[in-house]
Amino acid sequence: SRQLHYKAKWYGRTIKEASTFAPSSQTCHVCGNKHAEVKNLSIRMWTCPVCFTLHDRDRNAAQNIKAMAL
């Protein structure tokens, strides 16, 4: 992490970090609903009970982390 921050400063870049405990895979990136049952790591695909979007756990988390950085 220290080296990453050093290189970012060297190249004039900014690093934004998401909290380790942010519920990125449990939160629907479409409507923002947090679906606590998805906390179980064996659940790889899930449907949001509010907007009915089908999510791949990892892709959904990536979308949420990207949105945190913007």
Protein backbone atom coordinates (compact mmCIF):
# COMPACT_ATOMS: atom_id res chain seq x y z
CA SER A 1 0.00 0.00 0.00
CA ARG A 2 2.81 2.40 0.86
CA GLN A 3 4.51 1.76 -2.50
CA LEU A 4 1.22 2.28 -4.32
CA HIS A 5 0.70 5.66 -2.64
CA TYR A 6 4.30 6.61 -3.40
CA LYS A 7 3.91 5.80 -7.11
CA ALA A 8 0.59 7.62 -7.30
CA LYS A 9 2.15 10.75 -5.81
CA TRP A 10 5.13 10.39 -8.17
CA TYR A 11 2.84 10.35 -11.22
CA GLY A 12 0.39 12.96 -9.90
CA ARG A 13 -2.42 10.46 -9.41
CA THR A 14 -5.00 10.10 -6.67
CA ILE A 15 -5.83 6.85 -4.89
CA LYS A 16 -9.24 6.28 -3.39
CA GLU A 17 -9.73 3.32 -1.10
CA ALA A 18 -12.95 1.52 -0.28
CA SER A 19 -13.45 0.38 3.27
CA THR A 20 -12.59 -3.26 3.85
CA PHE A 21 -15.96 -3.70 5.50
CA ALA A 22 -18.06 -1.90 2.85
CA PRO A 23 -20.92 -4.22 1.80
CA SER A 24 -19.99 -3.96 -1.89
CA SER A 25 -21.14 -7.45 -2.88
CA GLN A 26 -24.35 -7.24 -0.83
CA THR A 27 -25.55 -3.88 -2.18
CA CYS A 28 -27.45 -3.72 -5.46
CA HIS A 29 -25.54 -1.37 -7.77
CA VAL A 30 -28.80 -0.52 -9.58
CA CYS A 31 -31.11 0.57 -6.73
CA GLY A 32 -28.80 0.60 -3.68
CA ASN A 33 -30.73 -1.98 -1.66
CA LYS A 34 -28.58 -3.97 0.80
CA HIS A 35 -29.43 -7.68 0.69
CA ALA A 36 -27.92 -9.13 3.89
CA GLU A 37 -28.52 -12.77 2.91
CA VAL A 38 -25.83 -12.40 0.24
CA LYS A 39 -23.22 -12.18 3.02
CA ASN A 40 -22.90 -15.96 2.62
CA LEU A 41 -19.87 -16.33 0.31
CA SER A 42 -21.27 -19.47 -1.33
CA ILE A 43 -23.98 -17.35 -3.01
CA ARG A 44 -22.42 -16.37 -6.36
CA MET A 45 -25.58 -15.12 -8.13
CA TRP A 46 -28.47 -13.29 -6.52
CA THR A 47 -31.55 -11.29 -7.48
CA CYS A 48 -32.31 -7.97 -5.83
CA PRO A 49 -35.64 -8.25 -3.99
CA VAL A 50 -36.44 -4.58 -4.75
CA CYS A 51 -35.59 -4.02 -8.45
CA PHE A 52 -35.28 -7.71 -9.47
CA THR A 53 -31.88 -7.26 -11.14
CA LEU A 54 -29.89 -10.50 -11.40
CA HIS A 55 -26.35 -10.01 -10.05
CA ASP A 56 -23.08 -11.89 -10.31
CA ARG A 57 -21.53 -11.33 -6.87
CA ASP A 58 -18.09 -10.21 -8.14
CA ARG A 59 -19.33 -7.99 -10.99
CA ASN A 60 -21.81 -6.30 -8.67
CA ALA A 61 -19.07 -5.63 -6.11
CA ALA A 62 -16.83 -4.21 -8.84
CA GLN A 63 -19.62 -1.84 -9.96
CA ASN A 64 -20.13 -0.64 -6.38
CA ILE A 65 -16.40 -0.12 -5.78
CA LYS A 66 -16.10 1.81 -9.05
CA ALA A 67 -19.02 4.05 -8.01
CA MET A 68 -17.32 4.72 -4.64
CA ALA A 69 -14.24 5.97 -6.48
CA LEU A 70 -16.10 8.43 -8.70
